[in-house]
N, C-alpha and C. Protein backbone atom coordinates (compact mmCIF):
# COMPACT_ATOMS: atom_id res chain seq x y z
N GLY A 1 89.48 95.93 98.35
CA GLY A 1 89.18 95.66 96.98
C GLY A 1 88.92 94.19 96.77
N ARG A 2 88.29 93.86 95.67
CA ARG A 2 87.95 92.48 95.34
C ARG A 2 88.42 92.18 93.93
N SER A 3 88.95 90.98 93.73
CA SER A 3 89.33 90.55 92.39
C SER A 3 88.87 89.11 92.21
N LEU A 4 88.69 88.73 90.97
CA LEU A 4 88.25 87.37 90.65
C LEU A 4 89.36 86.63 89.93
N SER A 5 89.55 85.37 90.28
CA SER A 5 90.50 84.51 89.61
C SER A 5 89.88 83.13 89.54
N ASN A 6 89.63 82.65 88.33
CA ASN A 6 88.98 81.35 88.16
C ASN A 6 87.67 81.27 88.94
N ASP A 7 86.87 82.34 88.88
CA ASP A 7 85.58 82.41 89.56
C ASP A 7 85.67 82.34 91.08
N VAL A 8 86.84 82.62 91.64
CA VAL A 8 87.02 82.68 93.08
C VAL A 8 87.31 84.13 93.44
N ALA A 9 86.59 84.65 94.43
CA ALA A 9 86.79 86.04 94.85
C ALA A 9 87.94 86.12 95.84
N TYR A 10 88.78 87.11 95.65
CA TYR A 10 89.87 87.41 96.58
C TYR A 10 89.68 88.84 97.06
N TYR A 11 89.93 89.07 98.33
CA TYR A 11 89.74 90.38 98.93
C TYR A 11 91.04 90.87 99.56
N ARG A 12 91.17 92.19 99.64
CA ARG A 12 92.29 92.81 100.33
C ARG A 12 91.82 94.15 100.87
N ALA A 13 92.42 94.57 101.96
CA ALA A 13 92.14 95.89 102.51
C ALA A 13 93.18 96.84 101.95
N SER A 14 92.75 98.02 101.56
CA SER A 14 93.66 98.99 100.99
C SER A 14 93.14 100.39 101.29
N VAL A 15 94.01 101.24 101.82
CA VAL A 15 93.64 102.59 102.20
C VAL A 15 94.74 103.54 101.73
N MET A 16 94.33 104.70 101.25
CA MET A 16 95.30 105.70 100.80
C MET A 16 95.39 106.83 101.82
N VAL A 17 96.62 107.18 102.18
CA VAL A 17 96.90 108.32 103.05
C VAL A 17 97.79 109.25 102.24
N ASN A 18 97.23 110.36 101.79
CA ASN A 18 97.90 111.24 100.85
C ASN A 18 98.25 110.42 99.60
N SER A 19 99.52 110.23 99.30
CA SER A 19 99.90 109.42 98.13
C SER A 19 100.42 108.05 98.53
N LEU A 20 100.33 107.73 99.80
CA LEU A 20 100.82 106.46 100.31
C LEU A 20 99.66 105.47 100.42
N VAL A 21 99.81 104.32 99.78
CA VAL A 21 98.78 103.27 99.83
C VAL A 21 99.23 102.20 100.81
N LEU A 22 98.40 101.94 101.82
CA LEU A 22 98.63 100.85 102.78
C LEU A 22 97.71 99.72 102.37
N SER A 23 98.25 98.52 102.28
CA SER A 23 97.46 97.40 101.77
C SER A 23 97.81 96.12 102.52
N SER A 24 96.85 95.19 102.53
CA SER A 24 97.04 93.90 103.18
C SER A 24 97.26 92.82 102.13
N LYS A 25 97.54 91.62 102.63
CA LYS A 25 97.61 90.47 101.72
C LYS A 25 96.18 90.12 101.28
N THR A 26 96.06 89.32 100.26
CA THR A 26 94.74 88.90 99.78
C THR A 26 94.26 87.69 100.57
N THR A 27 92.95 87.55 100.61
CA THR A 27 92.31 86.43 101.29
C THR A 27 91.01 86.08 100.57
N LYS A 28 90.59 84.86 100.70
CA LYS A 28 89.32 84.43 100.11
C LYS A 28 88.13 84.79 101.00
N GLU A 29 88.40 85.14 102.24
CA GLU A 29 87.35 85.43 103.21
C GLU A 29 87.13 86.94 103.36
N LEU A 30 85.95 87.41 103.05
CA LEU A 30 85.62 88.83 103.19
C LEU A 30 85.77 89.28 104.64
N SER A 31 85.35 88.47 105.59
CA SER A 31 85.43 88.85 107.00
C SER A 31 86.88 89.08 107.44
N ILE A 32 87.80 88.31 106.91
CA ILE A 32 89.22 88.50 107.24
C ILE A 32 89.73 89.80 106.63
N ALA A 33 89.33 90.09 105.41
CA ALA A 33 89.72 91.35 104.77
C ALA A 33 89.18 92.54 105.56
N VAL A 34 87.99 92.40 106.11
CA VAL A 34 87.43 93.48 106.94
C VAL A 34 88.27 93.64 108.21
N ASP A 35 88.70 92.53 108.82
CA ASP A 35 89.60 92.60 109.98
C ASP A 35 90.89 93.33 109.62
N TYR A 36 91.45 93.04 108.46
CA TYR A 36 92.66 93.73 107.99
C TYR A 36 92.38 95.22 107.83
N LEU A 37 91.21 95.55 107.31
CA LEU A 37 90.84 96.95 107.11
C LEU A 37 90.76 97.70 108.44
N VAL A 38 90.25 97.05 109.47
CA VAL A 38 90.19 97.67 110.80
C VAL A 38 91.59 98.05 111.27
N VAL A 39 92.55 97.16 111.06
CA VAL A 39 93.93 97.43 111.46
C VAL A 39 94.50 98.60 110.65
N ILE A 40 94.31 98.56 109.35
CA ILE A 40 94.87 99.61 108.49
C ILE A 40 94.21 100.96 108.78
N MET A 41 92.92 100.95 109.06
CA MET A 41 92.24 102.21 109.41
C MET A 41 92.75 102.75 110.75
N ALA A 42 93.07 101.87 111.69
CA ALA A 42 93.64 102.32 112.96
C ALA A 42 94.96 103.04 112.72
N ILE A 43 95.75 102.52 111.78
CA ILE A 43 97.01 103.17 111.42
C ILE A 43 96.74 104.52 110.77
N LYS A 44 95.80 104.56 109.85
CA LYS A 44 95.47 105.81 109.16
C LYS A 44 95.00 106.88 110.14
N VAL A 45 94.14 106.50 111.07
CA VAL A 45 93.63 107.46 112.06
C VAL A 45 94.77 108.00 112.92
N ARG A 46 95.70 107.14 113.29
CA ARG A 46 96.84 107.58 114.10
C ARG A 46 97.72 108.56 113.32
N ILE A 47 97.91 108.31 112.04
CA ILE A 47 98.71 109.24 111.22
C ILE A 47 98.03 110.60 111.20
N ALA A 48 96.73 110.60 110.96
CA ALA A 48 95.98 111.85 110.84
C ALA A 48 95.89 112.61 112.16
N SER A 49 95.86 111.89 113.27
CA SER A 49 95.65 112.56 114.55
C SER A 49 96.94 112.94 115.26
N ASP A 50 98.08 112.54 114.72
CA ASP A 50 99.36 112.85 115.36
C ASP A 50 99.73 114.31 115.11
N SER A 51 99.65 115.11 116.17
CA SER A 51 100.01 116.53 116.03
C SER A 51 101.38 116.83 116.62
N VAL A 52 102.06 115.80 117.13
CA VAL A 52 103.37 115.98 117.75
C VAL A 52 104.49 115.93 116.71
N CYS A 53 104.48 114.88 115.89
CA CYS A 53 105.53 114.70 114.88
C CYS A 53 105.30 115.62 113.69
N ARG A 54 106.33 116.30 113.28
CA ARG A 54 106.22 117.16 112.10
C ARG A 54 106.56 116.39 110.83
N CYS A 55 107.41 115.40 110.96
CA CYS A 55 107.88 114.64 109.82
C CYS A 55 106.92 113.48 109.53
N PHE A 56 106.44 113.37 108.30
CA PHE A 56 105.51 112.30 107.95
C PHE A 56 106.13 110.93 108.18
N GLU A 57 107.42 110.79 107.91
CA GLU A 57 108.10 109.51 108.10
C GLU A 57 107.99 109.05 109.56
N ASP A 58 108.20 109.96 110.49
CA ASP A 58 108.09 109.63 111.92
C ASP A 58 106.65 109.29 112.28
N LYS A 59 105.70 110.10 111.79
CA LYS A 59 104.28 109.83 112.04
C LYS A 59 103.92 108.43 111.56
N PHE A 60 104.39 108.10 110.36
CA PHE A 60 104.07 106.81 109.75
C PHE A 60 104.62 105.66 110.59
N ARG A 61 105.88 105.74 110.94
CA ARG A 61 106.50 104.66 111.74
C ARG A 61 105.79 104.47 113.08
N LEU A 62 105.54 105.56 113.77
CA LEU A 62 104.87 105.47 115.06
C LEU A 62 103.44 104.94 114.92
N ALA A 63 102.73 105.39 113.90
CA ALA A 63 101.35 104.97 113.68
C ALA A 63 101.27 103.48 113.36
N VAL A 64 102.19 102.99 112.53
CA VAL A 64 102.19 101.57 112.18
C VAL A 64 102.46 100.74 113.42
N SER A 65 103.48 101.09 114.16
CA SER A 65 103.84 100.35 115.37
C SER A 65 102.69 100.33 116.38
N ALA A 66 102.14 101.50 116.67
CA ALA A 66 101.07 101.60 117.66
C ALA A 66 99.77 100.97 117.17
N GLY A 67 99.46 101.16 115.90
CA GLY A 67 98.22 100.59 115.34
C GLY A 67 98.23 99.08 115.35
N LEU A 68 99.36 98.49 114.97
CA LEU A 68 99.48 97.03 114.99
C LEU A 68 99.40 96.50 116.42
N GLU A 69 100.10 97.17 117.32
CA GLU A 69 100.09 96.74 118.73
C GLU A 69 98.68 96.84 119.32
N GLU A 70 98.01 97.94 119.02
CA GLU A 70 96.64 98.16 119.52
C GLU A 70 95.70 97.05 119.07
N GLN A 71 95.89 96.57 117.85
CA GLN A 71 95.01 95.54 117.30
C GLN A 71 95.51 94.12 117.60
N GLY A 72 96.70 94.01 118.20
CA GLY A 72 97.23 92.71 118.58
C GLY A 72 97.68 91.83 117.43
N VAL A 73 98.19 92.47 116.37
CA VAL A 73 98.68 91.73 115.20
C VAL A 73 100.05 92.27 114.80
N SER A 74 100.72 91.52 113.95
CA SER A 74 101.99 91.99 113.38
C SER A 74 101.78 92.36 111.92
N ALA A 75 102.75 93.05 111.36
CA ALA A 75 102.68 93.40 109.93
C ALA A 75 102.63 92.13 109.08
N ASP A 76 103.36 91.11 109.49
CA ASP A 76 103.34 89.83 108.76
C ASP A 76 101.98 89.15 108.82
N ASP A 77 101.30 89.27 109.97
CA ASP A 77 99.98 88.63 110.12
C ASP A 77 99.01 89.09 109.04
N ILE A 78 99.04 90.38 108.74
CA ILE A 78 98.09 90.90 107.75
C ILE A 78 98.73 91.15 106.39
N GLY A 79 100.01 90.84 106.29
CA GLY A 79 100.71 91.06 105.02
C GLY A 79 100.80 92.53 104.67
N LEU A 80 101.00 93.36 105.68
CA LEU A 80 101.03 94.81 105.47
C LEU A 80 102.15 95.20 104.52
N HIS A 81 101.79 95.96 103.52
CA HIS A 81 102.77 96.53 102.61
C HIS A 81 102.27 97.89 102.17
N PHE A 82 103.15 98.68 101.61
CA PHE A 82 102.79 100.03 101.23
C PHE A 82 103.61 100.47 100.03
N TYR A 83 103.08 101.46 99.35
CA TYR A 83 103.76 102.00 98.18
C TYR A 83 103.21 103.39 97.88
N LEU A 84 103.97 104.16 97.14
CA LEU A 84 103.53 105.48 96.71
C LEU A 84 102.80 105.36 95.38
N GLN A 85 101.75 106.13 95.26
CA GLN A 85 100.98 106.17 94.01
C GLN A 85 100.73 107.64 93.69
N LEU A 86 101.28 108.10 92.59
CA LEU A 86 101.17 109.51 92.23
C LEU A 86 100.46 109.68 90.89
N ARG A 87 99.60 110.65 90.86
CA ARG A 87 98.95 111.03 89.61
C ARG A 87 99.45 112.43 89.27
N THR A 88 99.94 112.56 88.07
CA THR A 88 100.48 113.86 87.66
C THR A 88 99.64 114.43 86.53
N ALA A 89 99.68 115.74 86.42
CA ALA A 89 98.90 116.42 85.39
C ALA A 89 99.45 116.16 83.99
N PHE A 90 100.75 115.95 83.88
CA PHE A 90 101.34 115.80 82.55
C PHE A 90 101.41 114.35 82.07
N LEU A 91 101.15 113.38 82.94
CA LEU A 91 101.09 111.98 82.52
C LEU A 91 99.64 111.52 82.50
N THR A 92 99.31 110.66 81.57
CA THR A 92 97.94 110.19 81.47
C THR A 92 97.68 108.97 82.35
N ARG A 93 98.70 108.51 83.03
CA ARG A 93 98.51 107.35 83.90
C ARG A 93 99.06 107.63 85.28
N THR A 94 98.71 106.78 86.21
CA THR A 94 99.19 106.89 87.57
C THR A 94 100.56 106.23 87.68
N VAL A 95 101.48 106.87 88.39
CA VAL A 95 102.80 106.31 88.62
C VAL A 95 102.77 105.57 89.95
N VAL A 96 103.11 104.28 89.93
CA VAL A 96 103.13 103.47 91.14
C VAL A 96 104.57 103.04 91.41
N PHE A 97 105.03 103.30 92.62
CA PHE A 97 106.40 102.97 93.01
C PHE A 97 106.46 101.56 93.58
N PRO A 98 107.64 100.97 93.69
CA PRO A 98 107.77 99.60 94.19
C PRO A 98 107.18 99.42 95.59
N VAL A 99 106.68 98.23 95.85
CA VAL A 99 106.07 97.87 97.13
C VAL A 99 107.16 97.68 98.18
N CYS A 100 106.88 98.12 99.39
CA CYS A 100 107.79 97.94 100.52
C CYS A 100 107.04 97.25 101.65
N HIS A 101 107.74 96.34 102.33
CA HIS A 101 107.13 95.60 103.45
C HIS A 101 107.73 95.99 104.79
N ASP A 102 108.79 96.76 104.80
CA ASP A 102 109.50 97.08 106.02
C ASP A 102 109.41 98.57 106.31
N VAL A 103 108.81 98.92 107.42
CA VAL A 103 108.63 100.32 107.80
C VAL A 103 109.97 101.01 108.05
N GLU A 104 110.96 100.26 108.46
CA GLU A 104 112.24 100.85 108.80
C GLU A 104 113.13 101.15 107.61
N LYS A 105 112.76 100.75 106.42
CA LYS A 105 113.60 100.99 105.24
C LYS A 105 113.13 102.19 104.47
């Protein structure tokens, strides 16, 4: 996504897996945001392709660890964070839960 602040563009990579949003820190450089997106997409693909783990929590932890290692970065390097975002039929707005930075919590 892109946002403007004082006529300066800021970019971030953000991908949704079911109701879980994986997102990076913001950057002024589009090319860096694309690099972050490559990492986050590697995680998403691993979650989707894991047919061994039945529990989403286990799939998620393994996918994050393997995806980051595969790309040679840490969660801190890209500012990886995640949160739940739910849309319900009876509420007119989307419910967003607090951001988390630690996969183990």
